[in-house]
Protein backbone atom coordinates (compact mmCIF):
# COMPACT_ATOMS: atom_id res chain seq x y z
CA MET A 1 34.42 -8.66 -21.71
CA LEU A 2 30.63 -10.00 -20.84
CA MET A 3 29.55 -9.42 -17.61
CA THR A 4 27.16 -11.74 -15.91
CA ILE A 5 24.48 -10.72 -13.03
CA TYR A 6 24.14 -13.02 -10.11
CA THR A 7 21.62 -13.17 -8.09
CA GLU A 8 21.88 -15.24 -4.68
CA ILE A 9 18.90 -15.94 -2.18
CA ASN A 10 20.60 -15.47 1.18
CA HIS A 11 16.96 -16.14 3.07
CA VAL A 12 13.53 -16.75 2.80
CA MET A 13 12.63 -13.24 2.65
CA ASP A 14 14.61 -12.96 -0.85
CA HIS A 15 12.95 -15.86 -1.94
CA MET A 16 9.37 -14.59 -0.91
CA PHE A 17 10.05 -11.35 -2.37
CA ASN A 18 11.62 -13.21 -5.75
CA ALA A 19 8.64 -15.19 -5.91
CA CYS A 20 6.20 -12.37 -5.98
CA THR A 21 5.49 -11.17 -9.79
CA THR A 22 3.08 -8.30 -10.83
CA ALA A 23 0.24 -10.53 -11.31
CA GLN A 24 -0.03 -11.61 -7.71
CA ILE A 25 -0.41 -7.53 -6.76
CA GLY A 26 -4.24 -7.96 -6.31
CA GLU A 27 -3.20 -10.15 -3.42
CA PHE A 28 -2.31 -7.17 -1.52
CA ILE A 29 -5.47 -5.10 -1.94
CA PRO A 30 -7.94 -4.86 0.64
CA GLU A 31 -11.33 -6.06 -0.47
CA LYS A 32 -14.72 -5.50 1.29
CA ARG A 33 -17.32 -7.98 1.62
CA GLY A 34 -20.70 -7.80 3.21
CA PHE A 35 -22.27 -10.35 5.15
CA ARG A 36 -25.05 -11.16 7.43
CA ILE A 37 -23.83 -12.68 10.18
CA HIS A 38 -26.28 -13.18 13.65
CA GLY A 39 -28.90 -11.34 11.39
CA HIS A 40 -26.84 -8.32 11.36
CA SER A 41 -25.42 -6.70 8.40
CA THR A 42 -21.23 -6.71 8.53
CA THR A 43 -18.76 -5.58 6.25
CA VAL A 44 -15.47 -7.10 6.43
CA SER A 45 -12.38 -5.53 4.86
CA LEU A 46 -9.47 -7.82 3.80
CA GLU A 47 -6.76 -8.59 1.32
CA ARG A 48 -7.58 -10.60 -1.39
CA ALA A 49 -5.06 -13.34 0.10
CA PHE A 50 -6.61 -13.76 3.08
CA TRP A 51 -9.94 -13.99 1.47
CA ASN A 52 -8.35 -17.29 -0.86
CA VAL A 53 -7.71 -18.79 2.44
CA LEU A 54 -11.06 -18.29 4.23
CA GLU A 55 -12.64 -19.67 0.71
CA SER A 56 -10.39 -22.86 1.22
CA MET A 57 -11.31 -23.41 4.59
CA ALA A 58 -15.00 -22.77 4.41
CA SER A 59 -14.84 -25.57 1.58
CA GLU A 60 -12.87 -28.09 3.62
CA CYS A 61 -15.66 -27.58 6.53
CA HIS A 62 -18.84 -27.69 4.14
CA LEU A 63 -19.58 -24.30 5.44
CA THR A 64 -20.51 -21.09 3.61
CA MET A 65 -18.37 -18.05 4.14
CA PRO A 66 -21.62 -16.15 6.40
CA ARG A 67 -21.27 -19.55 8.78
CA LEU A 68 -17.62 -19.63 8.77
CA LEU A 69 -17.60 -15.87 9.94
CA GLU A 70 -20.04 -16.51 12.26
CA TYR A 71 -18.24 -19.68 13.57
CA VAL A 72 -15.03 -17.37 13.93
CA LEU A 73 -17.09 -14.87 15.22
CA ASP A 74 -18.35 -17.11 18.44
CA ASN A 75 -15.29 -18.50 18.94
CA CYS A 76 -12.57 -15.95 18.58
CA LEU A 77 -12.14 -14.07 21.92
CA VAL A 78 -10.53 -11.18 19.49
CA ALA A 79 -13.43 -11.07 16.72
CA ASN A 80 -15.79 -10.97 19.97
CA ASP A 81 -13.79 -7.41 21.13
CA LYS A 82 -15.06 -6.11 17.48
CA ASN A 83 -12.00 -6.69 15.80
CA LEU A 84 -12.86 -9.99 13.59
CA SER A 85 -10.68 -8.73 10.72
CA SER A 86 -7.77 -9.24 13.29
CA CYS A 87 -9.01 -12.65 14.20
CA LEU A 88 -9.49 -13.97 10.61
CA ARG A 89 -5.92 -12.81 9.83
CA VAL A 90 -4.69 -14.68 12.06
CA ILE A 91 -6.77 -17.93 11.96
CA CYS A 92 -5.44 -17.68 8.32
CA LEU A 93 -1.89 -17.76 9.38
CA LYS A 94 -3.00 -21.12 11.76
CA TYR A 95 -4.62 -22.81 8.96
CA LEU A 96 -2.03 -22.69 7.09
CA ASN A 97 0.72 -23.36 9.71
CA VAL A 98 -1.15 -26.55 10.64
CA TYR A 99 -3.07 -27.81 8.24
CA ALA A 100 -2.40 -26.34 4.66
CA ILE A 101 1.33 -27.19 4.82
CA PRO A 102 2.41 -29.94 7.27
CA ASP A 103 5.51 -30.38 8.20
CA THR A 104 7.03 -27.57 6.30
CA SER A 105 9.17 -25.06 7.59
CA PRO A 106 10.22 -21.68 5.24
CA LYS A 107 13.87 -23.08 4.75
CA ALA A 108 12.62 -26.69 3.93
CA ALA A 109 10.48 -24.53 1.15
CA LEU A 110 13.26 -22.52 0.10
CA ASP A 111 15.22 -25.57 -0.23
CA ALA A 112 12.33 -27.29 -2.38
CA SER A 113 12.27 -24.16 -5.00
CA ILE A 114 16.17 -24.17 -5.18
CA ASN A 115 16.13 -28.02 -5.67
CA SER A 116 13.83 -27.88 -8.34
CA THR A 117 15.90 -25.20 -10.22
CA SER A 118 18.92 -27.24 -10.33
CA ASN A 119 19.78 -28.04 -13.65
CA PRO A 120 18.39 -30.94 -15.18
CA ALA A 121 20.93 -32.63 -16.64
CA ILE A 122 22.82 -33.15 -13.55
CA LYS A 123 21.49 -36.68 -11.81
CA ASP A 124 21.91 -37.65 -8.25
């Protein structure tokens, strides 16, 4: 008798971890970058995934990365309490939730993923 292994995605967390590949492991590694912000040398350490979002934000706003960081530093209360990295992470999440993926909940993303892997031979 041939045994079939069946993996069911029960919730969005299963889907997120199944979507991660070893090629994406670099997104989890902290990366330090040095900038001159308001005339002072500053080093910021963030995971690569956050730098990717910040690069998109800077491009969309037509800003250089140092100018984007200056803007965040000047406008984020948390950043002004010496926690710029924390503020940048939250800003990235807000950006993704509000601008990058409008009207998409985790469940909708999961449903779309499941529907895209449906049997193409089955027509609606």
